[in-house]
């Protein structure tokens, strides 16, 4: 297990695969606080990017920012948008910490950009602290001036002097806001908001309205630049009747996109889950009698390489695709292909029934 600090994550899963993913994060990552809901598994784990990438039954992996109960539904759109904005918007220090964690886990090649924006956010946080200090001093001066204006005896300030002092206070606050705006202009961090909403909230607001509100608020709060095509950071917001979730994808491509599959067939996550049910052991003989493009065999051979695998199909085109996938994955010495019907694939050259430890295919798994 990695020496990384425990982080909070969630991973999306296909329908019915949540139990597989929950078992996998426990077994592979030593995850704790595992919680399954429809389409997602939440967990805490001390794992680095390499270990997290090994998850085979999950779709997309996110660093978890917020998870809370469903937002109250109101017919007042403005009120609801304010609630949603409050869910995401935090002080610059909060985002500085989040980005720091994300950078440690992220695969990206824009480290210089990340460092530059971390420093910019830090400067912004410090400037806001300075502005707050100036504001407090200004209010103190204003209070003193007001008190002096009311003194009947002794040397007094004229009404004009009191007005001038108040005007100076406003100028100071205005100048602070200007400095804040200048700091924002130096932030080159780009982002986009991906929003999904369903249930009661979807009857009041669209995903576009929610995404636009959050995006505008982040531009104002953090000075980031919106970029829908190639952002440095993506912020994922999912609102439904079960929970409100905010997260940041750790990898640009879904975990389910296997680099070793040249031609996609059966969904890779489903293929892995099917193979896992067979409990393949070292030295086992495994057959897929209707292998198609060989996805189940690929997932099994990648995860349990000490077994021997055979794939059969009657289709020339399917076997050709399977062969291409096997070569791309570098598993030519692990998987043998033959053109045969299901019945023939279960028999040897002499017509006797072959003995296999596990038989896998799209419609069943047996051992």
Protein backbone atom coordinates (compact mmCIF):
# COMPACT_ATOMS: atom_id res chain seq x y z
CA UNK A 1 0.00 0.00 0.00
CA UNK A 2 1.19 3.51 -0.81
CA UNK A 3 2.56 5.80 1.87
CA UNK A 4 0.30 8.58 0.57
CA UNK A 5 -2.03 10.32 3.00
CA UNK A 6 -5.58 8.93 3.02
CA UNK A 7 -7.81 10.76 0.57
CA UNK A 8 -11.54 10.78 -0.03
CA UNK A 9 -12.64 9.50 -3.42
CA UNK A 10 -15.65 8.31 -5.32
CA UNK A 11 -15.86 6.21 -8.44
CA UNK A 12 -18.78 5.83 -10.82
CA UNK A 13 -19.94 2.34 -11.76
CA UNK A 14 -22.29 0.74 -14.24
CA UNK A 15 -25.67 -0.43 -13.00
CA UNK A 16 -25.23 -3.56 -10.91
CA UNK A 17 -21.45 -3.23 -10.65
CA UNK A 18 -21.41 -1.23 -7.40
CA UNK A 19 -20.88 -4.35 -5.22
CA UNK A 20 -17.97 -5.46 -7.42
CA UNK A 21 -16.37 -2.04 -7.14
CA UNK A 22 -16.89 -1.90 -3.37
CA UNK A 23 -15.18 -5.28 -2.93
CA UNK A 24 -12.39 -4.25 -5.27
CA UNK A 25 -11.50 -0.98 -3.51
CA UNK A 26 -11.35 -2.85 -0.20
CA UNK A 27 -9.20 -5.67 -1.58
CA UNK A 28 -6.96 -3.67 -3.92
CA UNK A 29 -6.62 -0.37 -2.04
CA UNK A 30 -7.40 -1.35 1.55
CA UNK A 31 -10.17 1.26 1.41
CA UNK A 32 -12.21 2.27 4.44
CA UNK A 33 -15.49 4.16 4.87
CA UNK A 34 -16.82 2.40 1.76
CA UNK A 35 -20.34 3.50 0.89
CA UNK A 36 -22.36 2.29 -2.10
CA UNK A 37 -25.17 4.22 -3.74
CA UNK A 38 -26.72 3.81 -7.15
CA UNK A 39 -24.00 4.43 -9.74
CA UNK A 40 -21.27 5.43 -7.25
CA UNK A 41 -18.95 4.04 -4.58
CA UNK A 42 -17.44 6.42 -2.00
CA UNK A 43 -14.31 5.45 -0.08
CA UNK A 44 -11.20 6.63 1.71
CA UNK A 45 -7.78 5.22 0.78
CA UNK A 46 -4.08 5.96 1.05
CA UNK A 47 -3.21 5.32 -2.59
CA UNK A 48 -1.23 6.97 -5.35
CA UNK A 49 -2.22 7.39 -9.02
CA UNK A 50 -0.63 4.08 -10.04
CA UNK A 51 -2.68 2.11 -7.54
CA UNK A 52 -5.87 4.03 -8.26
CA UNK A 53 -5.48 3.37 -11.98
CA UNK A 54 -5.59 -0.38 -11.33
CA UNK A 55 -9.29 -0.31 -10.46
CA UNK A 56 -10.96 -2.48 -13.09
CA UNK A 57 -14.69 -2.34 -12.26
CA UNK A 58 -15.04 1.45 -12.03
CA UNK A 59 -15.81 3.97 -14.76
CA UNK A 60 -14.53 7.43 -13.69
CA UNK A 61 -12.55 8.23 -10.55
CA UNK A 62 -12.93 11.51 -8.64
CA UNK A 63 -11.32 13.29 -5.75
CA UNK A 64 -14.28 13.97 -3.45
CA UNK A 65 -14.76 17.61 -2.43
CA UNK A 66 -18.26 17.57 -0.98
CA UNK A 67 -20.89 14.97 -0.20
CA UNK A 68 -24.00 16.00 1.66
CA UNK A 69 -27.74 15.48 1.79
CA UNK A 70 -29.97 16.64 -1.08
CA UNK A 71 -30.43 20.38 -1.39
CA UNK A 72 -33.86 21.67 -0.37
CA UNK A 73 -36.09 22.14 -3.38
CA UNK A 74 -37.80 25.50 -3.80
CA UNK A 75 -39.84 27.08 -6.56
CA UNK A 76 -37.64 30.15 -6.15
CA UNK A 77 -34.88 29.65 -8.72
CA UNK A 78 -32.73 32.41 -7.30
CA UNK A 79 -32.79 30.86 -3.84
CA UNK A 80 -31.91 27.43 -5.18
CA UNK A 81 -29.05 28.75 -7.29
CA UNK A 82 -27.72 30.55 -4.21
CA UNK A 83 -27.80 27.26 -2.26
CA UNK A 84 -26.00 25.44 -5.07
CA UNK A 85 -23.38 28.17 -5.37
CA UNK A 86 -22.75 27.98 -1.62
CA UNK A 87 -22.17 24.24 -1.98
CA UNK A 88 -19.18 24.80 -4.27
CA UNK A 89 -17.78 28.24 -3.52
CA UNK A 90 -15.26 28.44 -0.69
CA UNK A 91 -12.44 30.76 0.35
CA UNK A 92 -9.30 30.76 -1.87
CA UNK A 93 -7.43 28.88 0.88
CA UNK A 94 -9.87 25.99 0.48
CA UNK A 95 -9.23 25.75 -3.25
CA UNK A 96 -5.49 26.11 -2.70
CA UNK A 97 -5.57 23.02 -0.46
CA UNK A 98 -7.79 21.08 -2.87
CA UNK A 99 -5.57 21.83 -5.87
CA UNK A 100 -2.49 20.87 -3.87
CA UNK A 101 -4.01 17.44 -3.10
CA UNK A 102 -5.20 17.06 -6.69
CA UNK A 103 -1.76 17.86 -8.08
CA UNK A 104 -0.17 15.14 -5.97
CA UNK A 105 -2.59 12.61 -7.44
CA UNK A 106 -2.87 13.95 -10.96
CA UNK A 107 -1.13 12.56 -13.99
CA UNK A 108 -1.05 15.88 -15.93
CA UNK A 109 1.92 17.50 -17.61
CA UNK A 110 1.05 21.10 -16.72
CA UNK A 111 2.98 21.25 -13.44
CA UNK A 112 4.35 24.72 -14.17
CA UNK A 113 0.82 26.00 -14.67
CA UNK A 114 -0.31 24.30 -11.46
CA UNK A 115 2.57 25.79 -9.45
CA UNK A 116 1.93 29.25 -10.89
CA UNK A 117 -1.74 29.11 -9.99
CA UNK A 118 -1.10 27.72 -6.52
CA UNK A 119 1.14 30.72 -5.85
CA UNK A 120 -1.45 33.06 -7.34
CA UNK A 121 -4.20 31.61 -5.16
CA UNK A 122 -1.91 31.90 -2.14
CA UNK A 123 -1.24 35.56 -2.99
CA UNK A 124 -4.96 36.11 -3.40
CA UNK A 125 -5.66 34.55 -0.01
CA UNK A 126 -2.99 36.72 1.64
CA UNK A 127 -4.31 39.82 -0.12
CA UNK A 128 -7.83 39.11 1.09
CA UNK A 129 -6.46 38.81 4.62
CA UNK A 130 -4.69 42.17 4.20
CA UNK A 131 -7.84 43.74 2.77
CA UNK A 132 -9.86 42.46 5.72
CA UNK A 133 -7.26 43.95 8.08
CA UNK A 134 -7.46 47.30 6.27
CA UNK A 135 -11.24 47.18 6.40
CA UNK A 136 -11.21 46.61 10.15
CA UNK A 137 -8.75 49.48 10.66
CA UNK A 138 -10.88 51.72 8.47
CA UNK A 139 -14.02 50.90 10.43
CA UNK A 140 -12.11 51.65 13.64
CA UNK A 141 -11.02 55.03 12.26
CA UNK A 142 -14.58 55.74 11.14
CA UNK A 143 -15.91 54.93 14.60
CA UNK A 144 -13.32 57.20 16.25
CA UNK A 145 -14.09 60.02 13.83
CA UNK A 146 -17.81 59.66 14.43
CA UNK A 147 -17.25 59.79 18.18
CA UNK A 148 -15.05 62.88 17.87
CA UNK A 149 -17.66 64.59 15.72
CA UNK A 150 -20.11 64.27 18.59
CA UNK A 151 -17.81 65.76 21.25
CA UNK A 152 -19.22 69.04 22.54
CA UNK A 153 -16.11 70.37 24.34
CA UNK A 154 -12.55 70.67 23.22
CA UNK A 155 -11.16 70.66 19.69
CA UNK A 156 -13.70 69.29 17.21
CA UNK A 157 -13.59 68.07 13.68
CA UNK A 158 -15.84 69.92 11.27
CA UNK A 159 -18.61 68.18 9.36
CA UNK A 160 -16.47 68.57 6.29
CA UNK A 161 -13.58 66.77 7.96
CA UNK A 162 -15.89 63.94 9.08
CA UNK A 163 -17.21 63.57 5.52
CA UNK A 164 -13.67 63.60 4.12
CA UNK A 165 -12.58 60.83 6.47
CA UNK A 166 -15.55 58.67 5.47
CA UNK A 167 -14.77 59.26 1.80
CA UNK A 168 -11.16 58.20 2.43
CA UNK A 169 -12.43 55.00 4.04
CA UNK A 170 -14.50 54.20 0.94
CA UNK A 171 -11.53 54.89 -1.33
CA UNK A 172 -9.37 52.53 0.72
CA UNK A 173 -11.92 49.71 0.42
CA UNK A 174 -12.33 50.43 -3.28
CA UNK A 175 -8.57 50.31 -3.74
CA UNK A 176 -8.53 46.96 -1.98
CA UNK A 177 -11.12 45.61 -4.40
CA UNK A 178 -9.05 46.91 -7.29
CA UNK A 179 -5.98 45.06 -6.01
CA UNK A 180 -8.13 41.96 -5.72
CA UNK A 181 -9.23 42.34 -9.32
CA UNK A 182 -5.65 42.81 -10.48
CA UNK A 183 -4.65 39.61 -8.70
CA UNK A 184 -7.46 37.80 -10.50
CA UNK A 185 -6.14 38.93 -13.87
CA UNK A 186 -2.85 37.15 -13.19
CA UNK A 187 -4.55 33.81 -12.53
CA UNK A 188 -4.24 31.71 -15.70
CA UNK A 189 -5.90 28.59 -14.27
CA UNK A 190 -8.57 27.29 -16.62
CA UNK A 191 -11.58 25.21 -15.63
CA UNK A 192 -14.96 23.93 -16.67
CA UNK A 193 -18.00 22.78 -14.72
CA UNK A 194 -19.71 19.51 -15.61
CA UNK A 195 -23.13 19.26 -14.00
CA UNK A 196 -25.71 16.50 -13.79
CA UNK A 197 -29.02 16.89 -12.02
CA UNK A 198 -31.96 14.53 -11.71
CA UNK A 199 -35.04 14.08 -9.58
CA UNK A 200 -36.93 17.00 -8.06
CA UNK A 201 -34.19 19.55 -8.63
CA UNK A 202 -34.13 18.80 -12.36
CA UNK A 203 -37.76 19.95 -12.58
CA UNK A 204 -36.75 23.42 -11.41
CA UNK A 205 -33.27 23.97 -12.87
CA UNK A 206 -31.35 22.72 -15.88
CA UNK A 207 -27.75 21.48 -15.75
CA UNK A 208 -26.79 24.44 -17.96
CA UNK A 209 -28.22 26.97 -15.50
CA UNK A 210 -26.45 25.35 -12.56
CA UNK A 211 -23.14 25.03 -14.40
CA UNK A 212 -23.27 28.65 -15.56
CA UNK A 213 -23.99 29.94 -12.03
CA UNK A 214 -21.13 27.95 -10.50
CA UNK A 215 -18.77 28.93 -13.30
CA UNK A 216 -19.45 32.67 -12.94
CA UNK A 217 -19.04 32.43 -9.16
CA UNK A 218 -15.66 30.66 -9.49
CA UNK A 219 -14.42 33.26 -11.97
CA UNK A 220 -15.30 36.02 -9.51
CA UNK A 221 -14.07 34.17 -6.42
CA UNK A 222 -10.84 32.60 -7.70
CA UNK A 223 -10.12 34.55 -10.86
CA UNK A 224 -10.00 31.38 -12.95
CA UNK A 225 -10.64 31.32 -16.68
CA UNK A 226 -13.43 29.21 -18.16
CA UNK A 227 -12.32 26.77 -20.87
CA UNK A 228 -14.78 24.17 -22.13
CA UNK A 229 -12.36 22.39 -24.46
CA UNK A 230 -9.05 21.85 -22.67
CA UNK A 231 -9.23 23.04 -19.06
CA UNK A 232 -6.59 22.47 -16.42
CA UNK A 233 -9.31 21.46 -14.00
CA UNK A 234 -12.80 19.99 -14.29
CA UNK A 235 -15.33 20.39 -11.49
CA UNK A 236 -18.03 17.73 -11.43
CA UNK A 237 -21.35 18.49 -9.68
CA UNK A 238 -24.10 15.88 -9.33
CA UNK A 239 -27.38 16.79 -7.65
CA UNK A 240 -30.24 14.36 -7.14
CA UNK A 241 -32.78 13.19 -4.55
CA UNK A 242 -30.15 11.06 -2.74
CA UNK A 243 -27.20 13.41 -2.30
CA UNK A 244 -25.29 16.47 -3.51
CA UNK A 245 -21.79 15.61 -4.69
CA UNK A 246 -18.86 17.74 -5.88
CA UNK A 247 -15.65 16.20 -7.17
CA UNK A 248 -12.65 16.58 -9.46
CA UNK A 249 -11.78 13.84 -12.00
CA UNK A 250 -8.30 12.47 -11.33
CA UNK A 251 -7.71 11.29 -14.89
CA UNK A 252 -8.79 12.76 -18.19
CA UNK A 253 -9.87 9.38 -19.56
CA UNK A 254 -12.24 7.00 -17.76
CA UNK A 255 -10.71 3.99 -16.03
CA UNK A 256 -12.90 1.83 -18.27
CA UNK A 257 -10.93 3.00 -21.34
CA UNK A 258 -8.27 0.29 -21.52
CA UNK A 259 -5.20 1.26 -23.53
CA UNK A 260 -4.65 -2.39 -24.48
CA UNK A 261 -8.05 -2.82 -26.18
CA UNK A 262 -7.74 -1.88 -29.84
CA UNK A 263 -11.30 -2.75 -30.87
CA UNK A 264 -13.96 -2.37 -28.18
CA UNK A 265 -16.59 -5.05 -27.67
CA UNK A 266 -18.15 -5.94 -24.35
CA UNK A 267 -17.70 -3.17 -21.77
CA UNK A 268 -14.35 -3.78 -20.06
CA UNK A 269 -15.76 -3.27 -16.55
CA UNK A 270 -18.47 -5.89 -17.15
CA UNK A 271 -15.90 -8.28 -18.62
CA UNK A 272 -13.66 -7.90 -15.57
CA UNK A 273 -16.56 -8.48 -13.18
CA UNK A 274 -17.58 -11.64 -15.05
CA UNK A 275 -14.04 -12.99 -14.97
CA UNK A 276 -13.74 -12.22 -11.25
CA UNK A 277 -16.75 -14.46 -10.51
CA UNK A 278 -14.86 -17.46 -11.88
CA UNK A 279 -12.17 -17.13 -9.17
CA UNK A 280 -9.40 -18.04 -11.61
CA UNK A 281 -6.37 -19.61 -9.93
CA UNK A 282 -2.78 -20.08 -11.09
CA UNK A 283 -2.44 -22.86 -13.66
CA UNK A 284 -6.16 -22.97 -14.43
CA UNK A 285 -7.46 -23.74 -17.93
CA UNK A 286 -10.04 -21.16 -18.96
CA UNK A 287 -12.29 -21.14 -22.04
CA UNK A 288 -14.53 -18.51 -23.61
CA UNK A 289 -16.56 -20.53 -26.19
CA UNK A 290 -18.11 -17.42 -27.73
CA UNK A 291 -15.23 -15.01 -27.28
CA UNK A 292 -16.16 -12.38 -29.87
CA UNK A 293 -13.51 -9.67 -29.66
CA UNK A 294 -11.93 -11.39 -26.67
CA UNK A 295 -12.68 -8.74 -24.04
CA UNK A 296 -13.36 -11.20 -21.21
CA UNK A 297 -10.18 -13.12 -22.00
CA UNK A 298 -8.16 -9.89 -22.10
CA UNK A 299 -9.46 -8.73 -18.72
CA UNK A 300 -8.91 -12.17 -17.18
CA UNK A 301 -5.40 -12.61 -18.58
CA UNK A 302 -4.36 -9.12 -17.47
CA UNK A 303 -5.63 -9.70 -13.92
CA UNK A 304 -4.75 -13.39 -13.52
CA UNK A 305 -1.75 -13.99 -15.84
CA UNK A 306 -0.77 -17.36 -14.35
CA UNK A 307 -3.70 -19.16 -16.02
CA UNK A 308 -4.02 -20.49 -19.59
CA UNK A 309 -6.75 -19.10 -21.83
CA UNK A 310 -8.58 -20.25 -24.96
CA UNK A 311 -11.10 -18.34 -27.04
CA UNK A 312 -13.39 -19.77 -29.71
CA UNK A 313 -15.80 -18.20 -32.17
CA UNK A 314 -17.30 -19.10 -35.52
CA UNK A 315 -16.95 -15.58 -36.96
CA UNK A 316 -13.84 -14.70 -38.96
CA UNK A 317 -14.27 -10.96 -38.33
CA UNK A 318 -14.68 -11.43 -34.57
CA UNK A 319 -11.61 -13.62 -34.34
CA UNK A 320 -9.64 -11.10 -36.40
CA UNK A 321 -10.63 -8.34 -34.00
CA UNK A 322 -9.80 -10.55 -31.01
CA UNK A 323 -6.38 -11.32 -32.47
CA UNK A 324 -5.69 -7.60 -32.91
CA UNK A 325 -6.66 -6.92 -29.30
CA UNK A 326 -4.52 -9.75 -28.00
CA UNK A 327 -1.51 -8.50 -29.94
CA UNK A 328 -2.04 -4.92 -28.76
CA UNK A 329 -2.18 -6.20 -25.18
CA UNK A 330 0.94 -8.32 -25.67
CA UNK A 331 -0.85 -11.50 -24.56
CA UNK A 332 -0.12 -13.77 -27.53
CA UNK A 333 1.59 -16.28 -25.22
CA UNK A 334 -1.38 -16.29 -22.81
CA UNK A 335 -4.44 -16.57 -25.08
CA UNK A 336 -5.02 -19.11 -27.83
CA UNK A 337 -7.74 -18.54 -30.45
CA UNK A 338 -9.55 -21.12 -32.58
CA UNK A 339 -12.44 -21.03 -35.00
CA UNK A 340 -15.11 -23.38 -33.72
CA UNK A 341 -18.70 -23.60 -32.56
CA UNK A 342 -19.53 -23.75 -28.87
CA UNK A 343 -20.02 -27.52 -29.04
CA UNK A 344 -16.79 -28.14 -30.92
CA UNK A 345 -14.76 -25.84 -28.68
CA UNK A 346 -15.62 -28.04 -25.70
CA UNK A 347 -14.20 -31.11 -27.41
CA UNK A 348 -10.65 -32.01 -28.30
CA UNK A 349 -9.27 -33.19 -31.64
CA UNK A 350 -10.26 -36.78 -30.90
CA UNK A 351 -13.84 -35.78 -30.06
CA UNK A 352 -13.47 -36.29 -26.32
CA UNK A 353 -14.73 -33.63 -23.95
CA UNK A 354 -11.98 -31.26 -22.85
CA UNK A 355 -11.52 -30.46 -19.17
CA UNK A 356 -11.57 -26.77 -18.27
CA UNK A 357 -11.39 -25.23 -14.83
CA UNK A 358 -13.56 -22.28 -15.86
CA UNK A 359 -15.81 -21.46 -18.79
CA UNK A 360 -16.66 -17.80 -19.40
CA UNK A 361 -18.98 -16.15 -21.90
CA UNK A 362 -21.40 -13.25 -22.19
CA UNK A 363 -24.42 -15.22 -21.00
CA UNK A 364 -22.98 -17.28 -18.16
CA UNK A 365 -19.99 -17.96 -15.95
CA UNK A 366 -19.39 -21.40 -14.49
CA UNK A 367 -16.58 -23.35 -12.86
